[in-house]
Amino acid sequence: MKRFLSMYRVEQKLFFRSPDVILFCLAMPLVVFVLITMIAGGKAASGSGLTYLQSAYVSLSTVGICCSAFMSIPITIVECRSQGVLRRMYCSPCSPARLLACDTIGSGVIAALSTLILTVAAVVVFGYRMPGNVFAYMAVWLLTMISMFSIGLMVASLCRTTKSMNVVTSLLYFPMLLFSGATIPAEVFPGGLRAVSKLMPLGVGIDLLKSVSVGCYDKLTLPVITLIAITVICGTVAVKTFRWE
């Protein structure tokens, strides 16, 4: 455990020293939230039963998950593999599995910190109060994070080179960030694009989070099963196809 914590501290420091993490995971959600709330915070979001403040909070609380799952995790793992780091660690007393666990936990901490910063701003500055159960929301947020991380780990396992990884992560990250309703509330999308957002894995998680945030628990079964299925399928593929070199 001591070795694990020592490695984790190093990996977490590296995350915080990354300009991309500070900009896209921590700063961007807060800036977008402030802009949306100042422009249309109290207005109803297209008959969804949410105000734009409520909708933007839920949507942007997943941006840290999106950045960590589709950029941080695959990039870190594939680069370590391509540079031979995992292979050398595999032949040493320091298990590469420990490095992967540290990176995954570190990404989870960044995602949680992104949501925490957003929550403090929403509650303290804009007076946001969640109508639904906070603990249920946290549980669904955690399920969404785990399911998205499983996709990221699957990408890291399937991509053998940095070039292929960059292509795949870009094809996942940018559409998921822009069209799932993560940065822009899906309520402002036209009908066709809104339907597309509901089909995206992150879009499923966002819709589920919005339902829980307002205390609507009557249509949770299918989204929860979908996220669990994504976790199981992608996690299994990640484990079966993973290579140290």
Foldseek 3Di string as FASTA:
>chain_A
DVVLVVLLVVLLVVLVPDPCLCPQLAPQLQVLLVVQCVVFVQPDLQPPPHGSNLLSLLLQLCRLLLCLQLPQLLLVLLVCLVVCVLVVCVPPPNHVVSVSVSSLVSSVVSSNVNSVVSVCCCCVVVNDDQQADPVVLVVLSVLLSLLSNLLSLLLSLVDNHPVVSVVVSVVRRPCLCPQLCNSPHLSPPPPVSSVVNCPDSNNLSSVLSSCRRNHNDPPNPVSSVVSVVSNVVSNVSSVVRHDSD
